[in-house]
């Protein structure tokens, strides 16, 4: 009885790629959520390049830059995809779900 090294390597590669995929999609979702906050006027970019809270209050609804809803929708979609990937991984691991 020996170890099937090809199967072991396949599982290891799939685990690393899957983990990287979940982290990448979730981080893209966080970046899109942050971009929507910035476009909505919750944060401002200062002269030195740092981002801080808006000090003059929130802008009027007509002055919000377009694309805030699109960024939020894409961010939620990224969060959903990463969550579904995690749930699918749990489904594959737990044999009672099959």
N, C-alpha and C. Protein backbone atom coordinates (compact mmCIF):
# COMPACT_ATOMS: atom_id res chain seq x y z
N UNK A 1 0.85 -1.17 0.00
CA UNK A 1 0.00 0.00 0.00
C UNK A 1 0.89 1.23 0.00
N UNK A 2 0.73 2.06 -1.00
CA UNK A 2 1.56 3.25 -1.12
C UNK A 2 0.70 4.50 -1.23
N UNK A 3 1.38 5.58 -1.23
CA UNK A 3 0.72 6.87 -1.34
C UNK A 3 0.57 7.23 -2.81
N UNK A 4 -0.61 7.64 -3.20
CA UNK A 4 -0.85 8.11 -4.56
C UNK A 4 -0.43 9.58 -4.61
N UNK A 5 0.82 9.81 -5.02
CA UNK A 5 1.39 11.15 -4.97
C UNK A 5 0.72 12.09 -5.95
N UNK A 6 0.25 11.58 -7.08
CA UNK A 6 -0.43 12.44 -8.02
C UNK A 6 -1.75 12.96 -7.45
N UNK A 7 -2.50 12.09 -6.78
CA UNK A 7 -3.75 12.52 -6.14
C UNK A 7 -3.46 13.51 -5.02
N UNK A 8 -2.40 13.27 -4.26
CA UNK A 8 -2.02 14.17 -3.18
C UNK A 8 -1.66 15.55 -3.75
N UNK A 9 -0.89 15.56 -4.82
CA UNK A 9 -0.51 16.82 -5.45
C UNK A 9 -1.72 17.54 -6.05
N UNK A 10 -2.64 16.79 -6.62
CA UNK A 10 -3.85 17.38 -7.18
C UNK A 10 -4.68 18.07 -6.10
N UNK A 11 -4.86 17.41 -4.97
CA UNK A 11 -5.62 17.98 -3.86
C UNK A 11 -4.91 19.22 -3.32
N UNK A 12 -3.61 19.17 -3.20
CA UNK A 12 -2.86 20.32 -2.68
C UNK A 12 -2.97 21.52 -3.62
N UNK A 13 -2.85 21.29 -4.91
CA UNK A 13 -2.93 22.39 -5.88
C UNK A 13 -4.33 22.98 -5.91
N UNK A 14 -5.34 22.13 -5.90
CA UNK A 14 -6.73 22.61 -5.91
C UNK A 14 -7.02 23.40 -4.63
N UNK A 15 -6.51 22.97 -3.50
CA UNK A 15 -6.74 23.69 -2.25
C UNK A 15 -6.09 25.07 -2.27
N UNK A 16 -4.87 25.15 -2.77
CA UNK A 16 -4.18 26.45 -2.82
C UNK A 16 -4.86 27.39 -3.81
N UNK A 17 -5.21 26.88 -4.99
CA UNK A 17 -5.88 27.71 -5.99
C UNK A 17 -7.24 28.18 -5.50
N UNK A 18 -7.98 27.29 -4.86
CA UNK A 18 -9.30 27.67 -4.33
C UNK A 18 -9.18 28.72 -3.25
N UNK A 19 -8.23 28.57 -2.36
CA UNK A 19 -8.04 29.56 -1.30
C UNK A 19 -7.65 30.91 -1.88
N UNK A 20 -6.77 30.90 -2.86
CA UNK A 20 -6.39 32.16 -3.51
C UNK A 20 -7.57 32.80 -4.23
N UNK A 21 -8.41 32.00 -4.85
CA UNK A 21 -9.59 32.51 -5.53
C UNK A 21 -10.54 33.19 -4.56
N UNK A 22 -10.80 32.54 -3.43
CA UNK A 22 -11.73 33.12 -2.45
C UNK A 22 -11.17 34.43 -1.90
N UNK A 23 -9.89 34.45 -1.57
CA UNK A 23 -9.28 35.67 -1.04
C UNK A 23 -9.29 36.77 -2.09
N UNK A 24 -8.98 36.44 -3.34
CA UNK A 24 -8.95 37.43 -4.40
C UNK A 24 -10.33 38.04 -4.64
N UNK A 25 -11.35 37.21 -4.75
CA UNK A 25 -12.70 37.72 -5.03
C UNK A 25 -13.20 38.55 -3.85
N UNK A 26 -12.95 38.12 -2.63
CA UNK A 26 -13.39 38.88 -1.46
C UNK A 26 -12.66 40.22 -1.38
N UNK A 27 -11.37 40.24 -1.68
CA UNK A 27 -10.64 41.50 -1.63
C UNK A 27 -11.08 42.45 -2.74
N UNK A 28 -11.43 41.93 -3.89
CA UNK A 28 -11.98 42.78 -4.95
C UNK A 28 -13.31 43.37 -4.49
N UNK A 29 -14.12 42.58 -3.80
CA UNK A 29 -15.37 43.09 -3.26
C UNK A 29 -15.15 44.20 -2.25
N UNK A 30 -14.15 44.04 -1.39
CA UNK A 30 -13.83 45.10 -0.42
C UNK A 30 -13.36 46.37 -1.13
N UNK A 31 -12.58 46.21 -2.18
CA UNK A 31 -12.09 47.38 -2.92
C UNK A 31 -13.23 48.10 -3.61
N UNK A 32 -14.17 47.35 -4.19
CA UNK A 32 -15.32 47.97 -4.83
C UNK A 32 -16.22 48.67 -3.81
N UNK A 33 -16.39 48.08 -2.64
CA UNK A 33 -17.19 48.71 -1.58
C UNK A 33 -16.54 50.02 -1.13
N UNK A 34 -15.23 50.01 -1.00
CA UNK A 34 -14.51 51.22 -0.61
C UNK A 34 -14.61 52.28 -1.70
N UNK A 35 -14.53 51.88 -2.95
CA UNK A 35 -14.66 52.84 -4.05
C UNK A 35 -16.05 53.45 -4.08
N UNK A 36 -17.06 52.65 -3.75
CA UNK A 36 -18.43 53.19 -3.70
C UNK A 36 -18.56 54.20 -2.56
N UNK A 37 -17.94 53.91 -1.41
CA UNK A 37 -17.97 54.87 -0.30
C UNK A 37 -17.28 56.17 -0.68
N UNK A 38 -16.17 56.07 -1.38
CA UNK A 38 -15.45 57.27 -1.79
C UNK A 38 -16.27 58.07 -2.79
N UNK A 39 -16.88 57.40 -3.76
CA UNK A 39 -17.71 58.10 -4.73
C UNK A 39 -18.96 58.69 -4.10
N UNK A 40 -19.46 58.07 -3.04
CA UNK A 40 -20.66 58.59 -2.37
C UNK A 40 -20.33 59.79 -1.50
N UNK A 41 -19.07 60.08 -1.30
CA UNK A 41 -18.69 61.24 -0.51
C UNK A 41 -18.46 60.96 0.95
N UNK A 42 -18.42 59.70 1.33
CA UNK A 42 -18.16 59.36 2.74
C UNK A 42 -16.71 59.59 3.11
N UNK A 43 -15.84 59.49 2.14
CA UNK A 43 -14.41 59.69 2.37
C UNK A 43 -13.87 60.64 1.31
N UNK A 44 -12.85 61.36 1.66
CA UNK A 44 -12.21 62.26 0.71
C UNK A 44 -10.72 61.93 0.62
N UNK A 45 -10.17 62.20 -0.52
CA UNK A 45 -8.73 62.00 -0.72
C UNK A 45 -8.05 63.33 -0.40
N UNK A 46 -7.13 63.29 0.54
CA UNK A 46 -6.45 64.51 0.97
C UNK A 46 -5.30 64.84 0.03
N UNK A 47 -4.68 66.00 0.24
CA UNK A 47 -3.59 66.44 -0.63
C UNK A 47 -2.38 65.51 -0.59
N UNK A 48 -2.14 64.87 0.55
CA UNK A 48 -0.98 63.99 0.64
C UNK A 48 -1.26 62.57 0.14
N UNK A 49 -2.46 62.34 -0.39
CA UNK A 49 -2.79 61.04 -0.96
C UNK A 49 -3.49 60.09 -0.02
N UNK A 50 -3.61 60.45 1.27
CA UNK A 50 -4.30 59.58 2.20
C UNK A 50 -5.80 59.80 2.11
N UNK A 51 -6.55 58.84 2.59
CA UNK A 51 -8.00 58.90 2.56
C UNK A 51 -8.50 59.06 3.99
N UNK A 52 -9.41 59.99 4.16
CA UNK A 52 -9.97 60.22 5.48
C UNK A 52 -11.45 60.50 5.38
N UNK A 53 -12.13 60.55 6.52
CA UNK A 53 -13.58 60.83 6.50
C UNK A 53 -13.86 62.22 5.97
N UNK A 54 -14.99 62.37 5.33
CA UNK A 54 -15.39 63.67 4.80
C UNK A 54 -15.70 64.60 5.95
N UNK A 55 -15.10 65.78 5.95
CA UNK A 55 -15.28 66.71 7.06
C UNK A 55 -16.40 67.71 6.80
N UNK A 56 -16.81 67.88 5.56
CA UNK A 56 -17.83 68.87 5.25
C UNK A 56 -19.22 68.26 5.21
N UNK A 57 -19.39 67.06 5.71
CA UNK A 57 -20.69 66.40 5.65
C UNK A 57 -20.87 65.66 4.34
N UNK A 58 -21.96 64.97 4.24
CA UNK A 58 -22.23 64.21 3.04
C UNK A 58 -22.79 65.12 1.96
N UNK A 59 -22.48 64.82 0.70
CA UNK A 59 -22.99 65.67 -0.37
C UNK A 59 -24.49 65.48 -0.57
N UNK A 60 -25.07 66.39 -1.27
CA UNK A 60 -26.49 66.27 -1.61
C UNK A 60 -26.67 65.09 -2.57
N UNK A 61 -27.86 64.48 -2.59
CA UNK A 61 -28.05 63.31 -3.47
C UNK A 61 -27.75 63.58 -4.93
N UNK A 62 -27.95 64.80 -5.41
CA UNK A 62 -27.69 65.10 -6.80
C UNK A 62 -26.22 65.22 -7.12
N UNK A 63 -25.36 65.39 -6.11
CA UNK A 63 -23.94 65.58 -6.35
C UNK A 63 -23.13 64.30 -6.22
N UNK A 64 -23.76 63.21 -5.88
CA UNK A 64 -23.05 61.93 -5.76
C UNK A 64 -22.65 61.48 -7.16
N UNK A 65 -21.41 61.07 -7.30
CA UNK A 65 -20.92 60.64 -8.61
C UNK A 65 -21.63 59.36 -9.05
N UNK A 66 -21.83 59.21 -10.35
CA UNK A 66 -22.51 58.00 -10.83
C UNK A 66 -21.64 56.77 -10.62
N UNK A 67 -22.29 55.65 -10.56
CA UNK A 67 -21.59 54.39 -10.41
C UNK A 67 -21.55 53.85 -9.00
N UNK A 68 -22.12 54.58 -8.03
CA UNK A 68 -22.08 54.10 -6.65
C UNK A 68 -22.89 52.82 -6.52
N UNK A 69 -24.09 52.81 -7.10
CA UNK A 69 -24.91 51.59 -7.03
C UNK A 69 -24.27 50.44 -7.78
N UNK A 70 -23.64 50.73 -8.89
CA UNK A 70 -22.98 49.66 -9.65
C UNK A 70 -21.82 49.07 -8.86
N UNK A 71 -21.03 49.93 -8.23
CA UNK A 71 -19.92 49.43 -7.41
C UNK A 71 -20.43 48.60 -6.24
N UNK A 72 -21.50 49.07 -5.60
CA UNK A 72 -22.07 48.31 -4.48
C UNK A 72 -22.60 46.96 -4.96
N UNK A 73 -23.29 46.95 -6.10
CA UNK A 73 -23.82 45.69 -6.63
C UNK A 73 -22.70 44.72 -6.98
N UNK A 74 -21.64 45.23 -7.59
CA UNK A 74 -20.50 44.35 -7.91
C UNK A 74 -19.82 43.84 -6.65
N UNK A 75 -19.73 44.69 -5.63
CA UNK A 75 -19.13 44.26 -4.37
C UNK A 75 -19.95 43.16 -3.72
N UNK A 76 -21.26 43.32 -3.70
CA UNK A 76 -22.13 42.29 -3.12
C UNK A 76 -22.03 41.01 -3.93
N UNK A 77 -21.93 41.12 -5.25
CA UNK A 77 -21.77 39.93 -6.09
C UNK A 77 -20.46 39.21 -5.77
N UNK A 78 -19.39 39.97 -5.55
CA UNK A 78 -18.11 39.35 -5.19
C UNK A 78 -18.21 38.64 -3.84
N UNK A 79 -18.87 39.28 -2.87
CA UNK A 79 -19.05 38.64 -1.57
C UNK A 79 -19.87 37.36 -1.70
N UNK A 80 -20.89 37.39 -2.53
CA UNK A 80 -21.73 36.21 -2.73
C UNK A 80 -20.95 35.08 -3.39
N UNK A 81 -20.14 35.41 -4.39
CA UNK A 81 -19.34 34.39 -5.07
C UNK A 81 -18.34 33.75 -4.11
N UNK A 82 -17.69 34.57 -3.30
CA UNK A 82 -16.72 34.00 -2.35
C UNK A 82 -17.43 33.15 -1.30
N UNK A 83 -18.59 33.60 -0.85
CA UNK A 83 -19.35 32.80 0.12
C UNK A 83 -19.82 31.48 -0.48
N UNK A 84 -20.28 31.52 -1.71
CA UNK A 84 -20.71 30.28 -2.37
C UNK A 84 -19.54 29.33 -2.60
N UNK A 85 -18.37 29.86 -2.90
CA UNK A 85 -17.19 29.01 -3.06
C UNK A 85 -16.84 28.31 -1.75
N UNK A 86 -16.94 29.04 -0.65
CA UNK A 86 -16.67 28.43 0.66
C UNK A 86 -17.71 27.36 0.97
N UNK A 87 -18.99 27.65 0.72
CA UNK A 87 -20.03 26.66 0.98
C UNK A 87 -19.86 25.42 0.10
N UNK A 88 -19.44 25.62 -1.14
CA UNK A 88 -19.21 24.48 -2.02
C UNK A 88 -18.04 23.62 -1.51
N UNK A 89 -17.00 24.28 -1.00
CA UNK A 89 -15.88 23.54 -0.42
C UNK A 89 -16.31 22.72 0.79
N UNK A 90 -17.16 23.31 1.62
CA UNK A 90 -17.68 22.56 2.78
C UNK A 90 -18.53 21.40 2.30
N UNK A 91 -19.33 21.62 1.26
CA UNK A 91 -20.14 20.54 0.69
C UNK A 91 -19.26 19.39 0.22
N UNK A 92 -18.13 19.70 -0.40
CA UNK A 92 -17.25 18.65 -0.89
C UNK A 92 -16.55 17.90 0.25
N UNK A 93 -16.30 18.59 1.35
CA UNK A 93 -15.58 17.96 2.45
C UNK A 93 -16.47 17.06 3.30
N UNK A 94 -17.68 17.51 3.59
CA UNK A 94 -18.56 16.77 4.50
C UNK A 94 -19.31 15.70 3.72
N UNK A 95 -19.08 14.41 4.03
CA UNK A 95 -19.69 13.35 3.23
C UNK A 95 -21.20 13.21 3.47
N UNK A 96 -21.76 13.69 4.58
CA UNK A 96 -23.18 13.56 4.83
C UNK A 96 -24.00 14.43 3.85
N UNK A 97 -23.41 15.38 3.22
CA UNK A 97 -24.11 16.25 2.28
C UNK A 97 -24.26 15.63 0.90
N UNK A 98 -23.59 14.53 0.65
CA UNK A 98 -23.63 13.91 -0.69
C UNK A 98 -24.79 12.96 -0.80
